[in-house]
N, C-alpha and C. Protein backbone atom coordinates (compact mmCIF):
# COMPACT_ATOMS: atom_id res chain seq x y z
N MET A 1 111.41 -100.90 173.57
CA MET A 1 111.65 -99.48 173.75
C MET A 1 110.99 -98.98 175.04
N VAL A 2 111.77 -98.27 175.79
CA VAL A 2 111.32 -97.70 177.08
C VAL A 2 110.70 -96.34 176.79
N THR A 3 109.55 -96.06 177.39
CA THR A 3 108.91 -94.74 177.24
C THR A 3 109.34 -93.83 178.33
N VAL A 4 109.11 -92.53 178.20
CA VAL A 4 109.44 -91.56 179.19
C VAL A 4 108.79 -91.87 180.56
N PRO A 5 107.43 -92.09 180.59
CA PRO A 5 106.82 -92.39 181.89
C PRO A 5 107.40 -93.62 182.60
N ALA A 6 107.67 -94.70 181.79
CA ALA A 6 108.26 -95.86 182.37
C ALA A 6 109.71 -95.63 182.89
N PHE A 7 110.47 -94.82 182.14
CA PHE A 7 111.83 -94.47 182.54
C PHE A 7 111.77 -93.70 183.87
N LEU A 8 110.87 -92.70 183.93
CA LEU A 8 110.75 -91.85 185.12
C LEU A 8 110.32 -92.65 186.32
N ALA A 9 109.45 -93.62 186.12
CA ALA A 9 109.02 -94.48 187.19
C ALA A 9 110.22 -95.33 187.76
N ALA A 10 111.01 -95.90 186.83
CA ALA A 10 112.15 -96.64 187.21
C ALA A 10 113.20 -95.77 187.90
N LEU A 11 113.35 -94.57 187.44
CA LEU A 11 114.30 -93.59 188.03
C LEU A 11 113.92 -93.29 189.50
N ARG A 12 112.58 -92.97 189.68
CA ARG A 12 112.07 -92.65 191.02
C ARG A 12 112.23 -93.81 191.94
N SER A 13 112.03 -95.04 191.46
CA SER A 13 112.21 -96.16 192.37
C SER A 13 113.62 -96.63 192.64
N GLY A 14 114.59 -96.01 191.94
CA GLY A 14 116.00 -96.33 192.09
C GLY A 14 116.37 -97.61 191.37
N ALA A 15 115.60 -98.06 190.41
CA ALA A 15 115.85 -99.29 189.73
C ALA A 15 116.79 -99.25 188.52
N LEU A 16 117.35 -98.05 188.27
CA LEU A 16 118.24 -97.89 187.09
C LEU A 16 119.67 -98.09 187.49
N ALA A 17 120.35 -99.07 186.88
CA ALA A 17 121.77 -99.29 187.11
C ALA A 17 122.64 -98.09 186.67
N GLU A 18 122.13 -97.24 185.75
CA GLU A 18 122.85 -96.16 185.18
C GLU A 18 122.87 -94.96 186.21
N GLY A 19 122.11 -95.02 187.26
CA GLY A 19 122.16 -93.99 188.26
C GLY A 19 121.20 -92.81 188.09
N PRO A 20 121.20 -91.86 189.01
CA PRO A 20 120.21 -90.79 189.00
C PRO A 20 120.39 -89.78 187.88
N ARG A 21 121.56 -89.74 187.18
CA ARG A 21 121.77 -88.86 186.11
C ARG A 21 121.51 -89.48 184.73
N ALA A 22 120.91 -90.63 184.72
CA ALA A 22 120.62 -91.34 183.49
C ALA A 22 119.66 -90.58 182.63
N GLU A 23 119.79 -90.86 181.31
CA GLU A 23 118.92 -90.24 180.28
C GLU A 23 118.26 -91.30 179.49
N LEU A 24 117.25 -90.94 178.68
CA LEU A 24 116.56 -91.85 177.79
C LEU A 24 116.81 -91.35 176.38
N LEU A 25 117.37 -92.14 175.58
CA LEU A 25 117.76 -91.74 174.21
C LEU A 25 117.31 -92.82 173.24
N GLY A 26 116.32 -92.44 172.40
CA GLY A 26 115.79 -93.40 171.44
C GLY A 26 115.19 -94.64 172.11
N GLY A 27 114.64 -94.47 173.30
CA GLY A 27 113.95 -95.55 173.95
C GLY A 27 114.96 -96.41 174.76
N ARG A 28 116.24 -96.06 174.76
CA ARG A 28 117.24 -96.81 175.52
C ARG A 28 117.83 -95.95 176.65
N VAL A 29 117.98 -96.58 177.79
CA VAL A 29 118.50 -95.88 178.99
C VAL A 29 120.06 -95.82 178.84
N VAL A 30 120.57 -94.58 178.94
CA VAL A 30 121.97 -94.38 178.82
C VAL A 30 122.54 -93.61 180.04
N PRO A 31 123.77 -93.80 180.44
CA PRO A 31 124.29 -93.14 181.60
C PRO A 31 124.44 -91.62 181.30
N GLY A 32 124.30 -90.81 182.30
CA GLY A 32 124.43 -89.37 182.15
C GLY A 32 125.89 -88.98 182.07
N HIS A 33 126.10 -87.76 181.68
CA HIS A 33 127.43 -87.10 181.57
C HIS A 33 127.89 -86.57 182.88
N THR A 34 129.15 -86.89 183.28
CA THR A 34 129.68 -86.29 184.47
C THR A 34 130.75 -85.23 184.03
N PRO A 35 130.52 -83.98 184.30
CA PRO A 35 131.42 -82.88 183.86
C PRO A 35 132.77 -82.96 184.55
N SER A 36 133.81 -82.53 183.76
CA SER A 36 135.13 -82.46 184.30
C SER A 36 135.20 -81.28 185.30
N PRO A 37 136.25 -81.15 186.08
CA PRO A 37 136.42 -80.00 186.95
C PRO A 37 136.35 -78.66 186.21
N THR A 38 137.00 -78.59 185.06
CA THR A 38 136.99 -77.33 184.27
C THR A 38 135.59 -77.05 183.79
N GLN A 39 134.84 -78.05 183.35
CA GLN A 39 133.47 -77.87 182.88
C GLN A 39 132.61 -77.43 184.04
N MET A 40 132.84 -78.03 185.21
CA MET A 40 132.04 -77.62 186.42
C MET A 40 132.29 -76.15 186.75
N ALA A 41 133.54 -75.67 186.63
CA ALA A 41 133.84 -74.32 186.93
C ALA A 41 133.06 -73.39 185.98
N VAL A 42 133.01 -73.72 184.74
CA VAL A 42 132.30 -72.90 183.72
C VAL A 42 130.80 -72.96 184.01
N LEU A 43 130.27 -74.14 184.32
CA LEU A 43 128.82 -74.17 184.67
C LEU A 43 128.51 -73.33 185.93
N ALA A 44 129.38 -73.37 186.92
CA ALA A 44 129.19 -72.60 188.11
C ALA A 44 129.17 -71.07 187.78
N HIS A 45 130.06 -70.68 186.87
CA HIS A 45 130.10 -69.28 186.48
C HIS A 45 128.80 -68.87 185.74
N VAL A 46 128.30 -69.65 184.85
CA VAL A 46 127.07 -69.42 184.10
C VAL A 46 125.88 -69.43 185.09
N HIS A 47 125.85 -70.38 185.98
CA HIS A 47 124.79 -70.45 187.01
C HIS A 47 124.72 -69.20 187.86
N ALA A 48 125.85 -68.72 188.30
CA ALA A 48 125.88 -67.49 189.09
C ALA A 48 125.30 -66.35 188.33
N GLY A 49 125.51 -66.29 187.01
CA GLY A 49 125.01 -65.22 186.15
C GLY A 49 123.48 -65.27 186.00
N ILE A 50 122.95 -66.48 185.72
CA ILE A 50 121.52 -66.57 185.48
C ILE A 50 120.69 -66.75 186.77
N ALA A 51 121.36 -67.03 187.86
CA ALA A 51 120.63 -67.12 189.12
C ALA A 51 120.73 -65.81 189.93
N SER A 52 121.24 -64.76 189.29
CA SER A 52 121.45 -63.50 189.93
C SER A 52 120.10 -62.85 190.31
N LYS A 53 120.18 -61.84 191.17
CA LYS A 53 119.02 -61.13 191.68
C LYS A 53 118.27 -60.49 190.51
N GLU A 54 118.98 -59.97 189.50
CA GLU A 54 118.24 -59.31 188.41
C GLU A 54 117.35 -60.27 187.62
N PHE A 55 117.89 -61.51 187.38
CA PHE A 55 117.08 -62.49 186.66
C PHE A 55 115.87 -62.99 187.52
N ARG A 56 116.14 -63.19 188.80
CA ARG A 56 115.00 -63.56 189.69
C ARG A 56 113.93 -62.53 189.73
N GLU A 57 114.29 -61.25 189.81
CA GLU A 57 113.35 -60.17 189.85
C GLU A 57 112.57 -60.04 188.49
N ALA A 58 113.22 -60.48 187.43
CA ALA A 58 112.53 -60.43 186.11
C ALA A 58 111.70 -61.70 185.84
N GLY A 59 111.67 -62.57 186.82
CA GLY A 59 110.83 -63.75 186.65
C GLY A 59 111.51 -65.02 186.16
N GLY A 60 112.87 -65.02 186.29
CA GLY A 60 113.62 -66.19 185.86
C GLY A 60 113.93 -67.14 187.01
N ILE A 61 114.18 -68.36 186.62
CA ILE A 61 114.51 -69.42 187.62
C ILE A 61 115.65 -70.26 186.97
N ALA A 62 116.78 -70.37 187.63
CA ALA A 62 117.87 -71.21 187.10
C ALA A 62 117.70 -72.60 187.68
N VAL A 63 117.75 -73.59 186.78
CA VAL A 63 117.61 -75.00 187.23
C VAL A 63 118.85 -75.77 186.75
N VAL A 64 119.49 -76.48 187.75
CA VAL A 64 120.65 -77.29 187.46
C VAL A 64 120.14 -78.68 187.10
N ASN A 65 120.70 -79.21 186.00
CA ASN A 65 120.48 -80.64 185.56
C ASN A 65 118.97 -80.94 185.32
N PRO A 66 118.26 -80.03 184.64
CA PRO A 66 116.81 -80.32 184.47
C PRO A 66 116.60 -81.39 183.38
N ALA A 67 115.55 -82.16 183.56
CA ALA A 67 115.17 -83.17 182.57
C ALA A 67 114.17 -82.60 181.62
N PHE A 68 114.40 -82.76 180.26
CA PHE A 68 113.52 -82.27 179.26
C PHE A 68 112.93 -83.41 178.47
N ARG A 69 111.57 -83.45 178.35
CA ARG A 69 110.88 -84.46 177.54
C ARG A 69 110.96 -84.03 176.12
N LEU A 70 111.65 -84.79 175.26
CA LEU A 70 111.85 -84.39 173.86
C LEU A 70 111.07 -85.28 172.88
N GLY A 71 110.49 -86.31 173.37
CA GLY A 71 109.71 -87.24 172.55
C GLY A 71 109.27 -88.44 173.41
N PRO A 72 108.52 -89.33 172.83
CA PRO A 72 108.02 -90.46 173.60
C PRO A 72 109.14 -91.38 174.19
N GLY A 73 110.27 -91.38 173.49
CA GLY A 73 111.40 -92.28 173.98
C GLY A 73 112.69 -91.41 174.21
N ASP A 74 112.54 -90.10 174.41
CA ASP A 74 113.69 -89.28 174.60
C ASP A 74 113.46 -88.28 175.78
N LEU A 75 114.38 -88.39 176.75
CA LEU A 75 114.40 -87.52 177.88
C LEU A 75 115.86 -87.22 178.16
N LEU A 76 116.28 -85.99 177.94
CA LEU A 76 117.70 -85.55 178.12
C LEU A 76 117.76 -84.62 179.33
N ARG A 77 118.92 -84.71 180.03
CA ARG A 77 119.20 -83.83 181.15
C ARG A 77 120.19 -82.71 180.66
N ALA A 78 119.75 -81.52 180.57
CA ALA A 78 120.58 -80.40 180.24
C ALA A 78 121.53 -80.18 181.47
N ASP A 79 122.63 -79.49 181.22
CA ASP A 79 123.50 -79.17 182.39
C ASP A 79 122.89 -78.03 183.23
N LEU A 80 122.16 -77.13 182.55
CA LEU A 80 121.62 -75.98 183.20
C LEU A 80 120.51 -75.40 182.32
N SER A 81 119.58 -74.71 182.87
CA SER A 81 118.51 -74.03 182.10
C SER A 81 117.99 -72.81 182.83
N LEU A 82 117.51 -71.91 182.07
CA LEU A 82 116.81 -70.71 182.57
C LEU A 82 115.36 -70.82 182.16
N LEU A 83 114.52 -70.87 183.17
CA LEU A 83 113.09 -71.02 182.95
C LEU A 83 112.35 -69.80 183.46
N ARG A 84 111.12 -69.65 183.02
CA ARG A 84 110.21 -68.61 183.59
C ARG A 84 109.59 -69.13 184.80
N ALA A 85 109.64 -68.34 185.85
CA ALA A 85 108.99 -68.75 187.09
C ALA A 85 107.46 -68.68 186.93
N PRO A 86 106.76 -69.64 187.50
CA PRO A 86 105.31 -69.66 187.37
C PRO A 86 104.62 -68.67 188.32
N ASP A 87 104.77 -67.36 187.99
CA ASP A 87 104.13 -66.37 188.85
C ASP A 87 103.32 -65.42 188.01
N ALA A 88 102.66 -64.51 188.66
CA ALA A 88 101.76 -63.57 188.00
C ALA A 88 102.52 -62.68 187.01
N TYR A 89 103.78 -62.27 187.37
CA TYR A 89 104.51 -61.39 186.52
C TYR A 89 104.80 -61.98 185.16
N ALA A 90 105.25 -63.28 185.17
CA ALA A 90 105.55 -63.94 183.91
C ALA A 90 104.29 -64.17 183.11
N GLY A 91 103.22 -64.61 183.77
CA GLY A 91 101.98 -64.91 183.03
C GLY A 91 101.36 -63.62 182.46
N ALA A 92 101.49 -62.54 183.17
CA ALA A 92 100.95 -61.27 182.72
C ALA A 92 101.63 -60.77 181.44
N ARG A 93 102.90 -61.11 181.27
CA ARG A 93 103.62 -60.62 180.10
C ARG A 93 103.41 -61.55 178.88
N GLY A 94 102.62 -62.66 179.11
CA GLY A 94 102.33 -63.50 177.95
C GLY A 94 103.49 -64.47 177.65
N ALA A 95 104.46 -64.58 178.61
CA ALA A 95 105.59 -65.47 178.32
C ALA A 95 105.23 -66.94 178.66
N SER A 96 105.95 -67.84 178.05
CA SER A 96 105.80 -69.23 178.40
C SER A 96 106.26 -69.42 179.82
N VAL A 97 105.50 -70.11 180.62
CA VAL A 97 105.84 -70.42 182.02
C VAL A 97 106.17 -71.86 182.17
N ALA A 98 107.33 -72.17 182.68
CA ALA A 98 107.81 -73.49 182.83
C ALA A 98 107.32 -74.11 184.18
N THR A 99 106.64 -75.15 184.11
CA THR A 99 106.20 -75.92 185.31
C THR A 99 106.63 -77.36 185.06
N ALA A 100 107.05 -78.00 186.11
CA ALA A 100 107.48 -79.33 186.02
C ALA A 100 106.27 -80.25 185.68
N GLY A 101 106.47 -81.15 184.75
CA GLY A 101 105.37 -82.02 184.39
C GLY A 101 105.62 -83.45 184.84
N VAL A 102 105.44 -84.39 183.94
CA VAL A 102 105.58 -85.81 184.24
C VAL A 102 106.93 -86.06 184.93
N GLY A 103 106.88 -86.61 186.14
CA GLY A 103 108.09 -87.01 186.82
C GLY A 103 109.05 -85.84 187.16
N GLY A 104 108.62 -84.61 187.07
CA GLY A 104 109.51 -83.49 187.32
C GLY A 104 110.27 -83.06 186.05
N SER A 105 109.85 -83.59 184.90
CA SER A 105 110.53 -83.17 183.68
C SER A 105 109.87 -81.94 183.09
N PHE A 106 110.53 -81.23 182.20
CA PHE A 106 110.06 -79.98 181.64
C PHE A 106 109.79 -80.11 180.14
N ASP A 107 108.96 -79.27 179.62
CA ASP A 107 108.73 -79.08 178.18
C ASP A 107 109.79 -78.18 177.66
N PRO A 108 110.55 -78.56 176.64
CA PRO A 108 111.68 -77.71 176.15
C PRO A 108 111.19 -76.36 175.52
N GLN A 109 109.97 -76.35 175.10
CA GLN A 109 109.42 -75.09 174.50
C GLN A 109 109.20 -74.00 175.55
N ALA A 110 109.10 -74.43 176.85
CA ALA A 110 108.87 -73.47 177.89
C ALA A 110 110.18 -72.91 178.48
N ALA A 111 111.31 -73.43 178.07
CA ALA A 111 112.59 -72.98 178.56
C ALA A 111 113.00 -71.72 177.78
N VAL A 112 113.50 -70.73 178.56
CA VAL A 112 114.04 -69.52 177.90
C VAL A 112 115.34 -69.89 177.21
N VAL A 113 116.21 -70.59 177.86
CA VAL A 113 117.44 -71.09 177.32
C VAL A 113 117.84 -72.41 177.96
N ILE A 114 118.33 -73.32 177.17
CA ILE A 114 118.84 -74.62 177.61
C ILE A 114 120.33 -74.55 177.44
N ILE A 115 121.09 -74.93 178.49
CA ILE A 115 122.56 -74.81 178.38
C ILE A 115 123.15 -76.20 178.56
N GLU A 116 124.01 -76.57 177.58
CA GLU A 116 124.67 -77.89 177.63
C GLU A 116 126.15 -77.71 177.42
N LEU A 117 126.94 -78.56 178.01
CA LEU A 117 128.36 -78.67 177.69
C LEU A 117 128.46 -79.40 176.37
N ALA A 118 129.39 -78.97 175.49
CA ALA A 118 129.65 -79.67 174.25
C ALA A 118 130.36 -80.98 174.58
N ARG A 119 129.77 -82.10 174.11
CA ARG A 119 130.33 -83.44 174.42
C ARG A 119 130.86 -84.11 173.16
N GLY A 120 131.37 -83.39 172.26
CA GLY A 120 131.89 -83.96 171.04
C GLY A 120 130.80 -84.16 170.00
N ARG A 121 131.04 -85.14 169.12
CA ARG A 121 130.15 -85.38 167.97
C ARG A 121 128.71 -85.68 168.41
N SER A 122 128.56 -86.47 169.56
CA SER A 122 127.21 -86.84 169.95
C SER A 122 126.34 -85.64 170.26
N THR A 123 126.93 -84.59 170.71
CA THR A 123 126.14 -83.32 170.97
C THR A 123 125.53 -82.82 169.68
N ARG A 124 126.38 -82.66 168.66
CA ARG A 124 125.88 -82.09 167.41
C ARG A 124 125.04 -83.04 166.59
N GLU A 125 125.33 -84.30 166.60
CA GLU A 125 124.67 -85.28 165.78
C GLU A 125 123.37 -85.83 166.41
N VAL A 126 123.32 -85.87 167.74
CA VAL A 126 122.17 -86.51 168.41
C VAL A 126 121.38 -85.48 169.26
N ARG A 127 122.07 -84.79 170.14
CA ARG A 127 121.38 -83.97 171.10
C ARG A 127 120.73 -82.72 170.49
N VAL A 128 121.54 -81.97 169.66
CA VAL A 128 121.04 -80.74 169.04
C VAL A 128 119.79 -80.99 168.22
N PRO A 129 119.81 -82.02 167.29
CA PRO A 129 118.61 -82.28 166.53
C PRO A 129 117.35 -82.60 167.35
N LEU A 130 117.56 -83.30 168.47
CA LEU A 130 116.43 -83.63 169.35
C LEU A 130 115.80 -82.37 169.95
N TYR A 131 116.72 -81.51 170.46
CA TYR A 131 116.23 -80.24 171.04
C TYR A 131 115.49 -79.40 169.98
N ALA A 132 116.08 -79.35 168.80
CA ALA A 132 115.45 -78.54 167.70
C ALA A 132 114.08 -79.11 167.33
N ALA A 133 114.02 -80.42 167.19
CA ALA A 133 112.75 -81.06 166.79
C ALA A 133 111.66 -80.88 167.85
N ALA A 134 112.12 -80.79 169.12
CA ALA A 134 111.14 -80.59 170.24
C ALA A 134 110.75 -79.11 170.41
N GLY A 135 111.42 -78.21 169.65
CA GLY A 135 111.04 -76.80 169.67
C GLY A 135 111.74 -75.97 170.77
N ALA A 136 112.89 -76.44 171.31
CA ALA A 136 113.61 -75.67 172.23
C ALA A 136 114.10 -74.38 171.58
N ARG A 137 113.64 -73.24 172.07
CA ARG A 137 113.90 -71.94 171.33
C ARG A 137 115.34 -71.50 171.29
N GLU A 138 116.06 -71.75 172.35
CA GLU A 138 117.45 -71.29 172.39
C GLU A 138 118.27 -72.30 173.10
N LEU A 139 119.38 -72.70 172.52
CA LEU A 139 120.28 -73.70 173.08
C LEU A 139 121.74 -73.13 173.10
N TRP A 140 122.35 -73.11 174.24
CA TRP A 140 123.72 -72.69 174.35
C TRP A 140 124.63 -73.91 174.53
N LEU A 141 125.61 -74.06 173.68
CA LEU A 141 126.60 -75.12 173.84
C LEU A 141 127.87 -74.52 174.32
N LEU A 142 128.29 -74.88 175.48
CA LEU A 142 129.53 -74.34 176.12
C LEU A 142 130.65 -75.31 175.73
N ASP A 143 131.53 -74.84 174.89
CA ASP A 143 132.62 -75.68 174.39
C ASP A 143 133.88 -75.21 175.14
N VAL A 144 134.17 -75.94 176.20
CA VAL A 144 135.35 -75.58 177.05
C VAL A 144 136.66 -75.81 176.32
N VAL A 145 136.72 -76.85 175.45
CA VAL A 145 137.96 -77.14 174.74
C VAL A 145 138.28 -76.06 173.75
N ARG A 146 137.30 -75.59 172.99
CA ARG A 146 137.53 -74.52 171.99
C ARG A 146 137.47 -73.14 172.57
N GLY A 147 136.79 -73.02 173.72
CA GLY A 147 136.77 -71.77 174.42
C GLY A 147 135.67 -70.84 173.96
N TRP A 148 134.55 -71.33 173.45
CA TRP A 148 133.51 -70.40 173.00
C TRP A 148 132.16 -70.97 173.38
N THR A 149 131.15 -70.14 173.29
CA THR A 149 129.76 -70.53 173.47
C THR A 149 129.08 -70.43 172.09
N GLU A 150 128.47 -71.52 171.69
CA GLU A 150 127.72 -71.55 170.51
C GLU A 150 126.23 -71.39 170.82
N VAL A 151 125.59 -70.35 170.28
CA VAL A 151 124.18 -70.07 170.59
C VAL A 151 123.37 -70.46 169.37
N LEU A 152 122.42 -71.35 169.56
CA LEU A 152 121.59 -71.85 168.52
C LEU A 152 120.14 -71.36 168.76
N ARG A 153 119.51 -70.78 167.72
CA ARG A 153 118.18 -70.26 167.88
C ARG A 153 117.36 -70.59 166.62
N SER A 154 116.06 -70.34 166.72
CA SER A 154 115.11 -70.54 165.62
C SER A 154 115.03 -71.98 165.19
N PRO A 155 114.46 -72.89 166.01
CA PRO A 155 114.33 -74.28 165.57
C PRO A 155 113.33 -74.47 164.43
N TRP A 156 113.71 -75.29 163.46
CA TRP A 156 112.82 -75.56 162.32
C TRP A 156 113.22 -76.87 161.70
N ARG A 157 112.30 -77.86 161.70
CA ARG A 157 112.46 -79.15 161.08
C ARG A 157 113.71 -79.91 161.56
N GLY A 158 113.85 -79.92 162.88
CA GLY A 158 114.96 -80.65 163.51
C GLY A 158 116.35 -80.01 163.40
N ALA A 159 116.39 -78.75 163.05
CA ALA A 159 117.68 -78.05 162.95
C ALA A 159 117.47 -76.61 163.44
N TYR A 160 118.59 -75.94 163.75
CA TYR A 160 118.49 -74.55 164.15
C TYR A 160 118.89 -73.68 162.94
N ARG A 161 118.13 -72.62 162.72
CA ARG A 161 118.42 -71.75 161.53
C ARG A 161 119.40 -70.63 161.88
N SER A 162 119.67 -70.42 163.19
CA SER A 162 120.55 -69.34 163.57
C SER A 162 121.64 -69.89 164.47
N ARG A 163 122.89 -69.58 164.14
CA ARG A 163 124.05 -70.03 164.91
C ARG A 163 125.03 -68.85 165.09
N THR A 164 125.32 -68.53 166.33
CA THR A 164 126.28 -67.45 166.68
C THR A 164 127.29 -67.92 167.64
N LEU A 165 128.54 -67.58 167.43
CA LEU A 165 129.62 -67.88 168.38
C LEU A 165 129.92 -66.72 169.23
N TRP A 166 130.06 -66.96 170.57
CA TRP A 166 130.44 -65.92 171.51
C TRP A 166 131.72 -66.37 172.15
N TYR A 167 132.65 -65.48 172.24
CA TYR A 167 133.99 -65.79 172.79
C TYR A 167 134.04 -65.49 174.28
N PRO A 168 135.06 -65.99 174.98
CA PRO A 168 135.15 -65.76 176.41
C PRO A 168 135.10 -64.30 176.77
N GLY A 169 134.36 -63.98 177.78
CA GLY A 169 134.21 -62.59 178.23
C GLY A 169 133.09 -61.77 177.57
N GLU A 170 132.55 -62.25 176.44
CA GLU A 170 131.49 -61.56 175.78
C GLU A 170 130.13 -61.84 176.47
N ALA A 171 129.34 -60.80 176.60
CA ALA A 171 128.07 -60.92 177.29
C ALA A 171 126.99 -61.33 176.26
N LEU A 172 126.17 -62.32 176.64
CA LEU A 172 125.04 -62.73 175.77
C LEU A 172 123.78 -62.07 176.32
N ARG A 173 123.07 -61.48 175.40
CA ARG A 173 121.83 -60.72 175.75
C ARG A 173 120.59 -61.61 175.63
N LEU A 174 119.77 -61.64 176.65
CA LEU A 174 118.53 -62.41 176.61
C LEU A 174 117.36 -61.48 176.38
N GLN A 175 116.82 -61.60 175.17
CA GLN A 175 115.71 -60.70 174.71
C GLN A 175 114.48 -60.81 175.64
N GLU A 176 114.22 -62.10 176.05
CA GLU A 176 112.97 -62.28 176.86
C GLU A 176 113.05 -61.64 178.24
N PHE A 177 114.27 -61.32 178.66
CA PHE A 177 114.45 -60.70 180.00
C PHE A 177 114.91 -59.24 179.81
N ASP A 178 114.22 -58.51 178.90
CA ASP A 178 114.45 -57.14 178.70
C ASP A 178 115.92 -56.81 178.48
N GLY A 179 116.64 -57.70 177.82
CA GLY A 179 118.00 -57.38 177.46
C GLY A 179 119.04 -57.64 178.60
N LEU A 180 118.64 -58.32 179.68
CA LEU A 180 119.62 -58.67 180.68
C LEU A 180 120.70 -59.48 180.03
N GLU A 181 121.94 -59.38 180.53
CA GLU A 181 123.08 -60.05 179.92
C GLU A 181 123.77 -61.00 180.88
N VAL A 182 124.36 -62.00 180.37
CA VAL A 182 125.16 -62.93 181.13
C VAL A 182 126.42 -63.33 180.32
N VAL A 183 127.51 -63.42 180.97
CA VAL A 183 128.76 -63.95 180.33
C VAL A 183 128.75 -65.47 180.51
N ALA A 184 128.65 -66.18 179.40
CA ALA A 184 128.57 -67.63 179.50
C ALA A 184 129.90 -68.27 179.74
N MET A 185 130.97 -67.85 178.95
CA MET A 185 132.27 -68.38 179.10
C MET A 185 133.20 -67.27 179.65
N PRO A 186 133.69 -67.53 180.89
CA PRO A 186 134.52 -66.46 181.50
C PRO A 186 135.76 -66.21 180.71
N ALA A 187 136.28 -64.97 180.77
CA ALA A 187 137.51 -64.60 180.08
C ALA A 187 138.69 -65.31 180.79
N PRO A 188 139.67 -65.77 180.06
CA PRO A 188 140.81 -66.47 180.66
C PRO A 188 141.63 -65.59 181.63
């Protein structure tokens, strides 16, 4: 079994045949996901929303393809994430502040929202339970095929207790950012 520190050391040295987008799942190195052009367009749309001036002024930082430490043998790369910037404003409000840790990876509990493209059964059966068990507070699954965003909240015992579907064009409200909104899935 490969551990997260050993995986990150191999990644930094360029020794992984799976390439720079590789992930660690159950102690095994697996190749990362390469989004389709349609998925890339949706991710670009969401990134533009959470990287906006309003979110930056409120203490947010949009990170593309961040690595999250989910356990001793699990490190997943989300497609996108919104984190709290490590500044006085965020700290003064008592919010969790995300700072890169071991090998540039992040603690999932410090993320405001983690955004992933739905990748079929593996997303629901493997990735979602890992995020929930690690305490990721909010997970957005962008399902380009079905055309909706599934928002999962309130992690408890490896599952999420709250599930809401948002359709294209609907704005998702982020409580931690004083109600700022972002449209995750653009209207057709």
